[in-house]
Amino acid sequence: MNEITKPTQDERLVAALAHASVILGLFTSGMGGITAALVIWVTQKERSRYVAFQAMQAMVYQGIAMLLGIIGWGCYMCGVVGSLIPFFVNPGAYQDTPPLTFFVSLGIIPLIFLVVGVFILYGLWGALRAFQGRDFRYVIIGHLVERYLE
């Protein structure tokens, strides 16, 4: 977004809200943040190029985050189910301790929470930068969205 004019206070606030809607994803399995960014984009795309760009980025970013969350939890579930197979094949061998795959699948949980935390912090960083009126771009996503909106 190579605009000469600086965004107004209202534009900066709405753009920041689009990025900050990443917080809603925590309580709505990702859909709340995506929906909020979509509503902001739809209502503002004709009014402000700055807000439209920031909202579209936030929407795509949160969609990718939701997809990665689904993949992460899917890996966890596959690990848990996979660790149950040895129980059924040879139940006597695992009376004292579960198979190693069970512990590996448990190790995925903190990794998922770490990735979610990083995604949220990066989204909030985008909100801060947008609120300051700066041109914020998510890595890779920003350039793809800019091409789409041209």
Protein backbone atom coordinates (compact mmCIF):
# COMPACT_ATOMS: atom_id res chain seq x y z
CA MET A 1 0.00 0.00 0.00
CA ASN A 2 1.89 2.99 -1.21
CA GLU A 3 -0.62 5.65 -0.32
CA ILE A 4 0.57 9.22 -0.03
CA THR A 5 -2.09 10.24 2.49
CA LYS A 6 -1.86 9.08 6.06
CA PRO A 7 -4.81 7.15 7.45
CA THR A 8 -7.22 9.03 9.68
CA GLN A 9 -7.67 8.17 13.35
CA ASP A 10 -10.89 6.29 12.52
CA GLU A 11 -9.18 4.31 9.76
CA ARG A 12 -6.33 3.40 12.07
CA LEU A 13 -8.74 2.25 14.78
CA VAL A 14 -10.82 0.08 12.44
CA ALA A 15 -7.69 -1.43 10.86
CA ALA A 16 -6.32 -2.20 14.33
CA LEU A 17 -9.62 -3.86 15.28
CA ALA A 18 -9.36 -6.10 12.23
CA HIS A 19 -5.96 -7.35 13.39
CA ALA A 20 -6.95 -7.50 17.07
CA SER A 21 -9.93 -9.69 16.18
CA VAL A 22 -7.40 -12.54 16.34
CA ILE A 23 -8.33 -12.62 20.05
CA LEU A 24 -11.88 -13.65 19.14
CA GLY A 25 -10.45 -16.77 17.54
CA LEU A 26 -9.52 -18.07 20.98
CA PHE A 27 -13.17 -18.20 21.98
CA THR A 28 -14.73 -19.17 18.66
CA SER A 29 -12.38 -21.78 17.18
CA GLY A 30 -11.00 -19.14 14.83
CA MET A 31 -14.25 -18.21 13.12
CA GLY A 32 -15.02 -15.12 15.20
CA GLY A 33 -11.82 -13.34 14.23
CA ILE A 34 -12.15 -14.27 10.59
CA THR A 35 -15.76 -13.10 10.55
CA ALA A 36 -14.92 -9.80 12.26
CA ALA A 37 -12.11 -9.09 9.77
CA LEU A 38 -14.44 -10.05 6.91
CA VAL A 39 -17.17 -7.70 8.13
CA ILE A 40 -14.64 -4.87 8.45
CA TRP A 41 -13.32 -5.56 4.96
CA VAL A 42 -16.79 -5.71 3.38
CA THR A 43 -17.99 -2.53 5.07
CA GLN A 44 -14.80 -0.54 4.52
CA LYS A 45 -13.42 -1.69 1.17
CA GLU A 46 -15.06 1.18 -0.73
CA ARG A 47 -14.27 3.78 1.93
CA SER A 48 -10.62 3.21 2.77
CA ARG A 49 -7.91 1.43 0.86
CA TYR A 50 -5.81 1.31 4.05
CA VAL A 51 -8.51 -0.38 6.12
CA ALA A 52 -9.42 -2.76 3.30
CA PHE A 53 -5.81 -3.88 2.94
CA GLN A 54 -5.30 -4.35 6.68
CA ALA A 55 -8.63 -6.18 7.14
CA MET A 56 -8.00 -8.51 4.19
CA GLN A 57 -4.56 -9.36 5.56
CA ALA A 58 -6.01 -10.05 9.01
CA MET A 59 -8.70 -12.28 7.52
CA VAL A 60 -6.23 -14.35 5.47
CA TYR A 61 -3.77 -14.55 8.39
CA GLN A 62 -6.44 -15.80 10.76
CA GLY A 63 -7.70 -18.28 8.19
CA ILE A 64 -4.21 -19.73 7.89
CA ALA A 65 -3.92 -19.83 11.68
CA MET A 66 -7.20 -21.71 11.93
CA LEU A 67 -6.10 -24.19 9.28
CA LEU A 68 -2.80 -24.79 11.09
CA GLY A 69 -4.73 -25.29 14.33
CA ILE A 70 -6.92 -27.92 12.70
CA ILE A 71 -3.84 -29.68 11.36
CA GLY A 72 -2.14 -29.53 14.79
CA TRP A 73 -5.11 -30.96 16.65
CA GLY A 74 -5.51 -33.57 13.92
CA CYS A 75 -1.91 -34.67 14.48
CA TYR A 76 -2.58 -34.87 18.19
CA MET A 77 -5.68 -37.01 17.67
CA CYS A 78 -3.85 -39.30 15.24
CA GLY A 79 -1.11 -39.72 17.84
CA VAL A 80 -3.58 -40.63 20.56
CA VAL A 81 -5.43 -43.08 18.33
CA GLY A 82 -2.11 -44.47 17.11
CA SER A 83 -0.98 -45.03 20.68
CA LEU A 84 -4.11 -47.08 21.36
CA ILE A 85 -3.31 -49.60 18.61
CA PRO A 86 -0.54 -51.31 20.63
CA PHE A 87 -2.97 -51.67 23.54
CA PHE A 88 -5.34 -53.65 21.34
CA VAL A 89 -2.60 -55.70 19.67
CA ASN A 90 -0.77 -56.66 22.86
CA PRO A 91 -2.60 -55.43 25.99
CA GLY A 92 -0.34 -57.28 28.42
CA ALA A 93 2.79 -55.45 27.26
CA TYR A 94 1.49 -52.05 28.35
CA GLN A 95 0.10 -52.67 31.84
CA ASP A 96 2.75 -50.56 33.57
CA THR A 97 3.34 -47.77 31.06
CA PRO A 98 1.71 -46.56 27.87
CA PRO A 99 3.54 -46.82 24.55
CA LEU A 100 6.01 -44.12 23.53
CA THR A 101 3.62 -42.80 20.87
CA PHE A 102 1.26 -41.72 23.66
CA PHE A 103 3.92 -39.45 25.18
CA VAL A 104 4.83 -38.10 21.76
CA SER A 105 1.21 -37.15 21.14
CA LEU A 106 1.07 -35.44 24.56
CA GLY A 107 4.16 -33.45 23.54
CA ILE A 108 2.24 -31.99 20.63
CA ILE A 109 -0.14 -30.13 22.97
CA PRO A 110 2.42 -27.59 24.31
CA LEU A 111 3.67 -27.08 20.77
CA ILE A 112 0.14 -26.23 19.62
CA PHE A 113 -0.29 -23.72 22.44
CA LEU A 114 3.09 -22.15 21.67
CA VAL A 115 2.19 -21.71 18.00
CA VAL A 116 -1.23 -20.26 18.92
CA GLY A 117 0.48 -17.81 21.29
CA VAL A 118 2.91 -16.67 18.61
CA PHE A 119 0.09 -16.25 16.08
CA ILE A 120 -1.89 -14.12 18.53
CA LEU A 121 1.09 -11.97 19.45
CA TYR A 122 1.91 -11.36 15.79
CA GLY A 123 -1.70 -10.39 15.11
CA LEU A 124 -1.63 -7.99 18.06
CA TRP A 125 1.64 -6.56 16.75
CA GLY A 126 -0.20 -5.89 13.50
CA ALA A 127 -2.99 -4.18 15.46
CA LEU A 128 -0.50 -1.93 17.22
CA ARG A 129 1.26 -1.00 13.98
CA ALA A 130 -2.06 -0.31 12.23
CA PHE A 131 -3.24 1.80 15.16
CA GLN A 132 -0.05 3.82 14.86
CA GLY A 133 -0.92 4.38 11.19
CA ARG A 134 2.05 2.45 9.90
CA ASP A 135 1.95 0.23 6.87
CA PHE A 136 1.90 -3.26 8.38
CA ARG A 137 2.33 -6.38 6.26
CA TYR A 138 2.29 -9.95 7.43
CA VAL A 139 5.21 -11.93 6.07
CA ILE A 140 4.28 -13.36 2.63
CA ILE A 141 0.56 -12.69 3.18
CA GLY A 142 0.92 -8.93 2.84
CA HIS A 143 2.39 -9.10 -0.64
CA LEU A 144 -0.17 -11.66 -1.82
CA VAL A 145 -3.08 -9.58 -0.53
CA GLU A 146 -1.63 -6.44 -2.10
CA ARG A 147 -1.51 -8.17 -5.49
CA TYR A 148 -5.09 -9.38 -5.05
CA LEU A 149 -6.40 -5.92 -4.18
CA GLU A 150 -4.68 -4.16 -7.09
